[in-house]
Amino acid sequence: MFLRMITALTIMLILSLADSLLAQWQKTEPKTRNDRSVNITGIVFQDHLTFLGTHAGGVMRYDGSNYTFIDMSSGLVSNEVRALAVDPAGDVWIATTKGVSVWNPKKFVHYTKGIQKDAVKIDTDEFTALHIDDDGNAWMGSKKGLYKRTPNDKWFFYDQKSTNKAMPTNEIRAIHSNW
């Protein structure tokens, strides 16, 4: 019960922070605001930076005083962001409607439909959920199943067929670790 209360309070704090950052951004970036969807789809923190995923405007990166955008013009595969995660190396994982992009200030890495990794072929563009677990595994949810990438770049895929229907559906909307 106590853990649920702490979780609920944490979620309320994060949502409050997102609203505060969004309000500040709208005051400081009025021209940009008209060109971008500001519906927040995810929020992650990396060191002193805050990353806000948006429904159709890519990712807003906030350093405490300035906003910059990570979007298709800077190499993101789609501006329609569905989820965000940060791995132990500090790379930001961005799930979009056209694949997953992994961003760091030096480069992008993209995982999109048709890419073959080990025995796993990525068979979808639309990713809906992301999670980096304590071991550094990247879990990527889609409408067709769940992809897992290990830190040493080994790939696995789980769906109803491969799990002998242990999964109730192939559509993954959220991924969380047990506490």
N, C-alpha and C. Protein backbone atom coordinates (compact mmCIF):
# COMPACT_ATOMS: atom_id res chain seq x y z
N MET A 1 0.83 -1.19 0.00
CA MET A 1 0.00 0.00 0.00
C MET A 1 0.88 1.26 0.00
N PHE A 2 1.90 1.27 0.87
CA PHE A 2 2.79 2.41 0.95
C PHE A 2 3.51 2.64 -0.38
N LEU A 3 3.96 1.55 -1.01
CA LEU A 3 4.64 1.64 -2.29
C LEU A 3 3.73 2.23 -3.36
N ARG A 4 2.46 1.85 -3.35
CA ARG A 4 1.50 2.41 -4.32
C ARG A 4 1.32 3.91 -4.11
N MET A 5 1.27 4.32 -2.84
CA MET A 5 1.14 5.76 -2.55
C MET A 5 2.36 6.53 -3.06
N ILE A 6 3.54 6.00 -2.82
CA ILE A 6 4.77 6.65 -3.28
C ILE A 6 4.78 6.71 -4.80
N THR A 7 4.38 5.62 -5.45
CA THR A 7 4.32 5.59 -6.91
C THR A 7 3.35 6.64 -7.43
N ALA A 8 2.17 6.72 -6.84
CA ALA A 8 1.16 7.70 -7.27
C ALA A 8 1.68 9.13 -7.08
N LEU A 9 2.33 9.39 -5.95
CA LEU A 9 2.88 10.73 -5.71
C LEU A 9 3.99 11.06 -6.71
N THR A 10 4.82 10.07 -7.02
CA THR A 10 5.88 10.28 -8.01
C THR A 10 5.30 10.61 -9.37
N ILE A 11 4.28 9.89 -9.79
CA ILE A 11 3.64 10.15 -11.07
C ILE A 11 3.03 11.54 -11.09
N MET A 12 2.37 11.92 -10.00
CA MET A 12 1.77 13.26 -9.94
C MET A 12 2.86 14.34 -10.02
N LEU A 13 3.99 14.11 -9.38
CA LEU A 13 5.10 15.07 -9.42
C LEU A 13 5.65 15.19 -10.84
N ILE A 14 5.83 14.07 -11.52
CA ILE A 14 6.34 14.09 -12.90
C ILE A 14 5.37 14.81 -13.82
N LEU A 15 4.07 14.53 -13.69
CA LEU A 15 3.08 15.22 -14.53
C LEU A 15 3.05 16.72 -14.24
N SER A 16 3.20 17.08 -12.99
CA SER A 16 3.24 18.49 -12.62
C SER A 16 4.46 19.16 -13.23
N LEU A 17 5.61 18.49 -13.18
CA LEU A 17 6.83 19.02 -13.78
C LEU A 17 6.66 19.18 -15.28
N ALA A 18 6.07 18.19 -15.93
CA ALA A 18 5.84 18.27 -17.39
C ALA A 18 4.95 19.46 -17.72
N ASP A 19 3.88 19.65 -16.95
CA ASP A 19 3.00 20.80 -17.19
C ASP A 19 3.74 22.11 -16.99
N SER A 20 4.58 22.18 -15.96
CA SER A 20 5.35 23.38 -15.69
C SER A 20 6.33 23.67 -16.82
N LEU A 21 7.05 22.65 -17.27
CA LEU A 21 7.99 22.82 -18.37
C LEU A 21 7.26 23.23 -19.65
N LEU A 22 6.12 22.62 -19.90
CA LEU A 22 5.35 22.94 -21.09
C LEU A 22 4.86 24.39 -21.04
N ALA A 23 4.37 24.83 -19.88
CA ALA A 23 3.91 26.22 -19.75
C ALA A 23 5.06 27.19 -19.97
N GLN A 24 6.23 26.88 -19.43
CA GLN A 24 7.40 27.74 -19.62
C GLN A 24 7.81 27.76 -21.08
N TRP A 25 7.80 26.59 -21.72
CA TRP A 25 8.16 26.51 -23.14
C TRP A 25 7.20 27.33 -23.99
N GLN A 26 5.92 27.26 -23.69
CA GLN A 26 4.93 28.01 -24.47
C GLN A 26 5.15 29.52 -24.34
N LYS A 27 5.63 29.97 -23.20
CA LYS A 27 5.90 31.40 -23.01
C LYS A 27 7.16 31.84 -23.76
N THR A 28 8.15 30.94 -23.85
CA THR A 28 9.43 31.32 -24.44
C THR A 28 9.56 31.00 -25.91
N GLU A 29 8.69 30.15 -26.45
CA GLU A 29 8.81 29.72 -27.84
C GLU A 29 7.48 29.89 -28.59
N PRO A 30 6.88 31.09 -28.62
CA PRO A 30 5.56 31.23 -29.24
C PRO A 30 5.53 30.92 -30.73
N LYS A 31 6.58 31.22 -31.47
CA LYS A 31 6.57 30.93 -32.90
C LYS A 31 6.64 29.42 -33.15
N THR A 32 7.50 28.74 -32.42
CA THR A 32 7.66 27.30 -32.60
C THR A 32 6.41 26.56 -32.16
N ARG A 33 5.75 27.04 -31.11
CA ARG A 33 4.57 26.36 -30.57
C ARG A 33 3.50 26.19 -31.64
N ASN A 34 3.36 27.15 -32.55
CA ASN A 34 2.34 27.05 -33.58
C ASN A 34 2.64 25.95 -34.59
N ASP A 35 3.88 25.55 -34.71
CA ASP A 35 4.27 24.56 -35.70
C ASP A 35 4.36 23.15 -35.14
N ARG A 36 4.18 22.97 -33.86
CA ARG A 36 4.41 21.66 -33.26
C ARG A 36 3.27 21.27 -32.33
N SER A 37 2.99 19.97 -32.30
CA SER A 37 2.04 19.45 -31.33
C SER A 37 2.73 19.40 -29.97
N VAL A 38 2.06 19.90 -28.95
CA VAL A 38 2.67 19.90 -27.63
C VAL A 38 2.01 18.89 -26.70
N ASN A 39 1.30 17.93 -27.25
CA ASN A 39 0.76 16.86 -26.41
C ASN A 39 1.93 15.99 -25.97
N ILE A 40 2.17 15.94 -24.67
CA ILE A 40 3.30 15.21 -24.12
C ILE A 40 3.01 13.71 -24.11
N THR A 41 3.92 12.92 -24.69
CA THR A 41 3.76 11.47 -24.74
C THR A 41 4.74 10.74 -23.83
N GLY A 42 5.73 11.44 -23.33
CA GLY A 42 6.71 10.82 -22.44
C GLY A 42 7.67 11.83 -21.90
N ILE A 43 8.27 11.51 -20.78
CA ILE A 43 9.26 12.39 -20.16
C ILE A 43 10.34 11.52 -19.53
N VAL A 44 11.61 11.90 -19.76
CA VAL A 44 12.74 11.22 -19.12
C VAL A 44 13.77 12.27 -18.72
N PHE A 45 14.60 11.89 -17.77
CA PHE A 45 15.64 12.77 -17.27
C PHE A 45 17.00 12.12 -17.50
N GLN A 46 17.96 12.94 -17.94
CA GLN A 46 19.33 12.47 -18.16
C GLN A 46 20.26 13.54 -17.62
N ASP A 47 20.96 13.23 -16.55
CA ASP A 47 21.80 14.21 -15.88
C ASP A 47 20.98 15.45 -15.57
N HIS A 48 21.36 16.60 -16.08
CA HIS A 48 20.65 17.85 -15.81
C HIS A 48 19.63 18.18 -16.91
N LEU A 49 19.41 17.27 -17.85
CA LEU A 49 18.52 17.53 -18.98
C LEU A 49 17.17 16.84 -18.79
N THR A 50 16.14 17.45 -19.35
CA THR A 50 14.80 16.87 -19.38
C THR A 50 14.41 16.71 -20.84
N PHE A 51 13.90 15.53 -21.18
CA PHE A 51 13.44 15.26 -22.54
C PHE A 51 11.94 15.01 -22.50
N LEU A 52 11.21 15.75 -23.33
CA LEU A 52 9.76 15.59 -23.42
C LEU A 52 9.40 15.11 -24.82
N GLY A 53 8.80 13.93 -24.93
CA GLY A 53 8.32 13.44 -26.21
C GLY A 53 6.98 14.10 -26.51
N THR A 54 6.75 14.41 -27.78
CA THR A 54 5.48 15.04 -28.16
C THR A 54 4.78 14.19 -29.21
N HIS A 55 3.49 14.42 -29.33
CA HIS A 55 2.67 13.62 -30.25
C HIS A 55 3.09 13.79 -31.70
N ALA A 56 3.47 14.99 -32.11
CA ALA A 56 3.83 15.21 -33.51
C ALA A 56 4.97 16.20 -33.70
N GLY A 57 5.64 16.59 -32.61
CA GLY A 57 6.70 17.59 -32.72
C GLY A 57 8.08 17.09 -32.37
N GLY A 58 8.27 15.78 -32.33
CA GLY A 58 9.58 15.25 -31.97
C GLY A 58 9.79 15.29 -30.47
N VAL A 59 11.02 15.56 -30.08
CA VAL A 59 11.39 15.60 -28.66
C VAL A 59 11.89 16.99 -28.32
N MET A 60 11.38 17.53 -27.21
CA MET A 60 11.89 18.80 -26.69
C MET A 60 12.95 18.46 -25.64
N ARG A 61 14.12 19.06 -25.78
CA ARG A 61 15.22 18.87 -24.82
C ARG A 61 15.38 20.18 -24.04
N TYR A 62 15.25 20.09 -22.73
CA TYR A 62 15.31 21.28 -21.88
C TYR A 62 16.50 21.18 -20.94
N ASP A 63 17.36 22.21 -20.93
CA ASP A 63 18.57 22.19 -20.10
C ASP A 63 18.46 23.06 -18.85
N GLY A 64 17.29 23.53 -18.55
CA GLY A 64 17.09 24.40 -17.39
C GLY A 64 16.83 25.83 -17.77
N SER A 65 17.23 26.21 -19.00
CA SER A 65 16.95 27.56 -19.46
C SER A 65 16.58 27.62 -20.94
N ASN A 66 16.99 26.63 -21.73
CA ASN A 66 16.71 26.66 -23.17
C ASN A 66 16.11 25.34 -23.65
N TYR A 67 15.26 25.46 -24.65
CA TYR A 67 14.70 24.29 -25.33
C TYR A 67 15.39 24.12 -26.68
N THR A 68 15.70 22.90 -27.01
CA THR A 68 16.12 22.55 -28.37
C THR A 68 15.28 21.36 -28.79
N PHE A 69 15.19 21.15 -30.08
CA PHE A 69 14.36 20.07 -30.58
C PHE A 69 15.20 18.98 -31.21
N ILE A 70 14.79 17.77 -30.96
CA ILE A 70 15.31 16.60 -31.66
C ILE A 70 14.14 16.12 -32.51
N ASP A 71 14.29 16.28 -33.82
CA ASP A 71 13.17 15.96 -34.71
C ASP A 71 13.71 15.41 -36.03
N MET A 72 12.83 15.27 -37.00
CA MET A 72 13.25 14.69 -38.27
C MET A 72 14.34 15.51 -38.95
N SER A 73 14.34 16.82 -38.75
CA SER A 73 15.37 17.65 -39.38
C SER A 73 16.75 17.39 -38.78
N SER A 74 16.78 16.83 -37.56
CA SER A 74 18.07 16.50 -36.94
C SER A 74 18.37 15.01 -36.99
N GLY A 75 17.49 14.21 -37.63
CA GLY A 75 17.78 12.79 -37.82
C GLY A 75 16.82 11.80 -37.19
N LEU A 76 15.83 12.26 -36.43
CA LEU A 76 14.84 11.38 -35.83
C LEU A 76 14.01 10.74 -36.94
N VAL A 77 13.63 9.45 -36.80
CA VAL A 77 12.91 8.77 -37.89
C VAL A 77 11.48 9.27 -38.06
N SER A 78 10.87 9.81 -37.01
CA SER A 78 9.52 10.36 -37.09
C SER A 78 9.33 11.37 -35.97
N ASN A 79 8.52 12.38 -36.21
CA ASN A 79 8.21 13.35 -35.16
C ASN A 79 7.09 12.87 -34.24
N GLU A 80 6.47 11.74 -34.58
CA GLU A 80 5.38 11.20 -33.76
C GLU A 80 5.95 10.27 -32.71
N VAL A 81 6.25 10.83 -31.54
CA VAL A 81 6.91 10.10 -30.45
C VAL A 81 5.85 9.43 -29.58
N ARG A 82 6.10 8.16 -29.25
CA ARG A 82 5.17 7.41 -28.42
C ARG A 82 5.72 7.09 -27.04
N ALA A 83 7.05 6.99 -26.89
CA ALA A 83 7.64 6.67 -25.59
C ALA A 83 9.12 7.05 -25.59
N LEU A 84 9.66 7.26 -24.39
CA LEU A 84 11.07 7.60 -24.20
C LEU A 84 11.68 6.74 -23.09
N ALA A 85 12.97 6.51 -23.19
CA ALA A 85 13.72 5.82 -22.13
C ALA A 85 15.18 6.25 -22.22
N VAL A 86 15.91 6.12 -21.12
CA VAL A 86 17.34 6.44 -21.10
C VAL A 86 18.08 5.19 -20.63
N ASP A 87 19.13 4.81 -21.38
CA ASP A 87 19.90 3.62 -21.00
C ASP A 87 21.07 4.00 -20.09
N PRO A 88 21.77 3.02 -19.53
CA PRO A 88 22.88 3.31 -18.59
C PRO A 88 23.99 4.17 -19.19
N ALA A 89 24.17 4.14 -20.51
CA ALA A 89 25.20 4.97 -21.15
C ALA A 89 24.74 6.42 -21.32
N GLY A 90 23.46 6.69 -21.02
CA GLY A 90 22.93 8.04 -21.18
C GLY A 90 22.29 8.30 -22.53
N ASP A 91 22.22 7.28 -23.38
CA ASP A 91 21.56 7.45 -24.68
C ASP A 91 20.05 7.49 -24.47
N VAL A 92 19.38 8.34 -25.24
CA VAL A 92 17.93 8.48 -25.15
C VAL A 92 17.29 7.64 -26.25
N TRP A 93 16.44 6.71 -25.86
CA TRP A 93 15.70 5.85 -26.77
C TRP A 93 14.35 6.50 -27.04
N ILE A 94 13.99 6.58 -28.31
CA ILE A 94 12.77 7.29 -28.72
C ILE A 94 11.93 6.36 -29.59
N ALA A 95 10.78 5.91 -29.06
CA ALA A 95 9.86 5.07 -29.83
C ALA A 95 8.95 5.98 -30.63
N THR A 96 8.85 5.71 -31.94
CA THR A 96 8.02 6.54 -32.81
C THR A 96 7.12 5.65 -33.68
N THR A 97 6.34 6.30 -34.50
CA THR A 97 5.46 5.57 -35.43
C THR A 97 6.21 5.06 -36.64
N LYS A 98 7.51 5.35 -36.75
CA LYS A 98 8.32 4.89 -37.88
C LYS A 98 9.55 4.10 -37.43
N GLY A 99 9.60 3.69 -36.17
CA GLY A 99 10.72 2.93 -35.67
C GLY A 99 11.24 3.50 -34.36
N VAL A 100 12.35 2.96 -33.90
CA VAL A 100 12.99 3.44 -32.67
C VAL A 100 14.30 4.11 -33.06
N SER A 101 14.50 5.31 -32.53
CA SER A 101 15.76 6.02 -32.71
C SER A 101 16.47 6.08 -31.36
N VAL A 102 17.77 5.87 -31.38
CA VAL A 102 18.58 6.01 -30.17
C VAL A 102 19.47 7.22 -30.40
N TRP A 103 19.34 8.21 -29.51
CA TRP A 103 20.02 9.50 -29.70
C TRP A 103 21.07 9.70 -28.62
N ASN A 104 22.21 10.19 -29.05
CA ASN A 104 23.17 10.82 -28.14
C ASN A 104 23.68 12.04 -28.91
N PRO A 105 24.35 12.98 -28.25
CA PRO A 105 24.73 14.21 -28.95
C PRO A 105 25.59 14.01 -30.20
N LYS A 106 26.20 12.85 -30.36
CA LYS A 106 27.08 12.63 -31.50
C LYS A 106 26.40 11.97 -32.69
N LYS A 107 25.35 11.14 -32.43
CA LYS A 107 24.77 10.39 -33.55
C LYS A 107 23.41 9.80 -33.19
N PHE A 108 22.73 9.32 -34.22
CA PHE A 108 21.51 8.54 -34.09
C PHE A 108 21.79 7.11 -34.52
N VAL A 109 21.12 6.15 -33.91
CA VAL A 109 21.05 4.78 -34.40
C VAL A 109 19.56 4.50 -34.55
N HIS A 110 19.17 3.87 -35.67
CA HIS A 110 17.75 3.63 -35.93
C HIS A 110 17.47 2.15 -36.04
N TYR A 111 16.35 1.74 -35.48
CA TYR A 111 15.83 0.38 -35.63
C TYR A 111 14.45 0.50 -36.28
N THR A 112 14.37 0.13 -37.54
CA THR A 112 13.13 0.29 -38.30
C THR A 112 12.75 -1.01 -39.00
N LYS A 113 11.56 -1.02 -39.54
CA LYS A 113 11.02 -2.21 -40.20
C LYS A 113 11.98 -2.73 -41.27
N GLY A 114 12.18 -4.06 -41.25
CA GLY A 114 13.02 -4.70 -42.25
C GLY A 114 14.43 -4.97 -41.79
N ILE A 115 14.88 -4.34 -40.72
CA ILE A 115 16.24 -4.56 -40.22
C ILE A 115 16.30 -5.95 -39.58
N GLN A 116 17.33 -6.69 -39.90
CA GLN A 116 17.54 -8.03 -39.37
C GLN A 116 18.60 -7.97 -38.29
N LYS A 117 18.28 -8.44 -37.11
CA LYS A 117 19.23 -8.51 -35.99
C LYS A 117 19.19 -9.93 -35.44
N ASP A 118 20.30 -10.64 -35.53
CA ASP A 118 20.35 -12.05 -35.15
C ASP A 118 19.26 -12.79 -35.93
N ALA A 119 18.46 -13.60 -35.25
CA ALA A 119 17.37 -14.31 -35.92
C ALA A 119 16.08 -13.49 -35.92
N VAL A 120 16.16 -12.25 -35.46
CA VAL A 120 14.98 -11.41 -35.32
C VAL A 120 14.95 -10.37 -36.44
N LYS A 121 13.83 -10.35 -37.15
CA LYS A 121 13.62 -9.30 -38.14
C LYS A 121 12.57 -8.35 -37.59
N ILE A 122 12.90 -7.07 -37.58
CA ILE A 122 11.93 -6.08 -37.10
C ILE A 122 10.82 -6.01 -38.14
N ASP A 123 9.61 -6.34 -37.69
CA ASP A 123 8.49 -6.49 -38.60
C ASP A 123 7.44 -5.39 -38.42
N THR A 124 7.84 -4.28 -37.85
CA THR A 124 6.90 -3.19 -37.63
C THR A 124 7.64 -1.87 -37.62
N ASP A 125 6.92 -0.81 -37.90
CA ASP A 125 7.46 0.53 -37.76
C ASP A 125 6.96 1.18 -36.48
N GLU A 126 5.72 0.87 -36.12
CA GLU A 126 5.09 1.59 -35.02
C GLU A 126 5.40 0.96 -33.67
N PHE A 127 6.21 1.66 -32.89
CA PHE A 127 6.55 1.24 -31.55
C PHE A 127 5.75 2.08 -30.56
N THR A 128 5.27 1.43 -29.51
CA THR A 128 4.33 2.07 -28.60
C THR A 128 4.84 2.20 -27.17
N ALA A 129 5.91 1.47 -26.83
CA ALA A 129 6.40 1.48 -25.45
C ALA A 129 7.90 1.19 -25.44
N LEU A 130 8.57 1.70 -24.41
CA LEU A 130 10.01 1.47 -24.21
C LEU A 130 10.29 1.28 -22.73
N HIS A 131 11.31 0.48 -22.47
CA HIS A 131 11.78 0.35 -21.09
C HIS A 131 13.22 -0.15 -21.12
N ILE A 132 14.05 0.41 -20.28
CA ILE A 132 15.41 -0.08 -20.09
C ILE A 132 15.45 -0.69 -18.69
N ASP A 133 15.74 -1.99 -18.59
CA ASP A 133 15.73 -2.63 -17.28
C ASP A 133 17.06 -2.43 -16.56
N ASP A 134 17.15 -2.95 -15.34
CA ASP A 134 18.34 -2.77 -14.51
C ASP A 134 19.60 -3.40 -15.10
N ASP A 135 19.44 -4.36 -16.00
CA ASP A 135 20.58 -5.00 -16.65
C ASP A 135 20.98 -4.31 -17.94
N GLY A 136 20.28 -3.23 -18.30
CA GLY A 136 20.58 -2.49 -19.52
C GLY A 136 19.92 -3.03 -20.77
N ASN A 137 19.01 -4.00 -20.62
CA ASN A 137 18.26 -4.50 -21.76
C ASN A 137 17.23 -3.47 -22.20
N ALA A 138 17.13 -3.27 -23.50
CA ALA A 138 16.12 -2.36 -24.04
C ALA A 138 14.92 -3.19 -24.47
N TRP A 139 13.76 -2.90 -23.92
CA TRP A 139 12.50 -3.56 -24.25
C TRP A 139 11.68 -2.59 -25.09
N MET A 140 11.26 -3.04 -26.28
CA MET A 140 10.53 -2.19 -27.21
C MET A 140 9.19 -2.83 -27.54
N GLY A 141 8.11 -2.19 -27.11
CA GLY A 141 6.78 -2.71 -27.36
C GLY A 141 6.22 -2.17 -28.67
N SER A 142 5.46 -3.04 -29.34
CA SER A 142 4.83 -2.64 -30.60
C SER A 142 3.44 -3.26 -30.65
N LYS A 143 2.73 -3.02 -31.74
CA LYS A 143 1.42 -3.63 -31.92
C LYS A 143 1.53 -5.10 -32.34
N LYS A 144 2.75 -5.52 -32.69
CA LYS A 144 2.96 -6.90 -33.14
C LYS A 144 3.68 -7.77 -32.12
N GLY A 145 4.14 -7.18 -31.02
CA GLY A 145 4.84 -7.96 -30.00
C GLY A 145 5.89 -7.15 -29.28
N LEU A 146 6.79 -7.86 -28.63
CA LEU A 146 7.79 -7.25 -27.76
C LEU A 146 9.19 -7.62 -28.24
N TYR A 147 10.02 -6.61 -28.48
CA TYR A 147 11.41 -6.81 -28.88
C TYR A 147 12.31 -6.53 -27.69
N LYS A 148 13.38 -7.31 -27.59
CA LYS A 148 14.37 -7.11 -26.53
C LYS A 148 15.75 -7.05 -27.17
N ARG A 149 16.51 -6.01 -26.81
CA ARG A 149 17.89 -5.87 -27.25
C ARG A 149 18.77 -5.85 -26.02
N THR A 150 19.74 -6.77 -25.96
CA THR A 150 20.64 -6.82 -24.81
C THR A 150 21.77 -5.80 -24.99
N PRO A 151 22.48 -5.47 -23.92
CA PRO A 151 23.58 -4.52 -24.06
C PRO A 151 24.67 -4.96 -25.04
N ASN A 152 24.82 -6.28 -25.28
CA ASN A 152 25.81 -6.73 -26.26
C ASN A 152 25.17 -6.98 -27.63
N ASP A 153 24.04 -6.33 -27.88
CA ASP A 153 23.35 -6.29 -29.19
C ASP A 153 22.79 -7.64 -29.64
N LYS A 154 22.35 -8.46 -28.71
CA LYS A 154 21.60 -9.68 -29.05
C LYS A 154 20.11 -9.33 -29.02
N TRP A 155 19.37 -9.87 -29.97
CA TRP A 155 17.96 -9.53 -30.13
C TRP A 155 17.06 -10.73 -29.90
N PHE A 156 15.90 -10.46 -29.31
CA PHE A 156 14.87 -11.48 -29.07
C PHE A 156 13.52 -10.86 -29.40
N PHE A 157 12.57 -11.72 -29.78
CA PHE A 157 11.21 -11.25 -30.08
C PHE A 157 10.20 -12.17 -29.40
N TYR A 158 9.20 -11.56 -28.79
CA TYR A 158 8.16 -12.31 -28.09
C TYR A 158 6.78 -11.87 -28.61
N ASP A 159 5.96 -12.84 -28.95
CA ASP A 159 4.57 -12.57 -29.30
C ASP A 159 3.74 -13.78 -28.86
N GLN A 160 2.44 -13.78 -29.18
CA GLN A 160 1.59 -14.89 -28.76
C GLN A 160 2.10 -16.22 -29.29
N LYS A 161 2.54 -16.23 -30.54
CA LYS A 161 3.00 -17.48 -31.16
C LYS A 161 4.27 -17.99 -30.48
N SER A 162 5.27 -17.12 -30.30
CA SER A 162 6.55 -17.56 -29.75
C SER A 162 6.47 -17.91 -28.26
N THR A 163 5.46 -17.40 -27.57
CA THR A 163 5.32 -17.69 -26.14
C THR A 163 4.22 -18.71 -25.88
N ASN A 164 3.76 -19.38 -26.94
CA ASN A 164 2.69 -20.37 -26.83
C ASN A 164 1.45 -19.78 -26.14
N LYS A 165 1.10 -18.58 -26.58
CA LYS A 165 -0.07 -17.83 -26.09
C LYS A 165 0.03 -17.42 -24.62
N ALA A 166 1.26 -17.38 -24.06
CA ALA A 166 1.42 -16.89 -22.69
C ALA A 166 1.14 -15.39 -22.63
N MET A 167 1.31 -14.71 -23.75
CA MET A 167 0.95 -13.29 -23.83
C MET A 167 -0.51 -13.22 -24.26
N PRO A 168 -1.34 -12.45 -23.56
CA PRO A 168 -2.76 -12.39 -23.93
C PRO A 168 -3.01 -11.66 -25.25
N THR A 169 -2.09 -10.81 -25.65
CA THR A 169 -2.22 -10.07 -26.91
C THR A 169 -0.82 -9.73 -27.41
N ASN A 170 -0.73 -9.42 -28.69
CA ASN A 170 0.56 -8.99 -29.24
C ASN A 170 0.81 -7.50 -29.01
N GLU A 171 -0.25 -6.75 -28.78
CA GLU A 171 -0.11 -5.29 -28.65
C GLU A 171 0.43 -4.92 -27.27
N ILE A 172 1.58 -4.26 -27.26
CA ILE A 172 2.23 -3.84 -26.02
C ILE A 172 2.08 -2.33 -25.90
N ARG A 173 1.44 -1.88 -24.83
CA ARG A 173 1.22 -0.44 -24.64
C ARG A 173 2.10 0.16 -23.56
N ALA A 174 2.58 -0.65 -22.64
CA ALA A 174 3.43 -0.15 -21.55
C ALA A 174 4.33 -1.27 -21.07
N ILE A 175 5.52 -0.91 -20.59
CA ILE A 175 6.47 -1.89 -20.07
C ILE A 175 7.03 -1.35 -18.76
N HIS A 176 7.01 -2.16 -17.72
CA HIS A 176 7.54 -1.76 -16.41
C HIS A 176 8.28 -2.93 -15.79
N SER A 177 9.27 -2.64 -14.98
CA SER A 177 9.98 -3.67 -14.23
C SER A 177 9.30 -3.90 -12.91
N ASN A 178 9.47 -5.09 -12.35
CA ASN A 178 8.99 -5.34 -11.00
C ASN A 178 9.92 -4.62 -10.03
N TRP A 179 9.36 -4.19 -8.94
CA TRP A 179 10.17 -3.47 -7.94
C TRP A 179 10.58 -4.40 -6.86
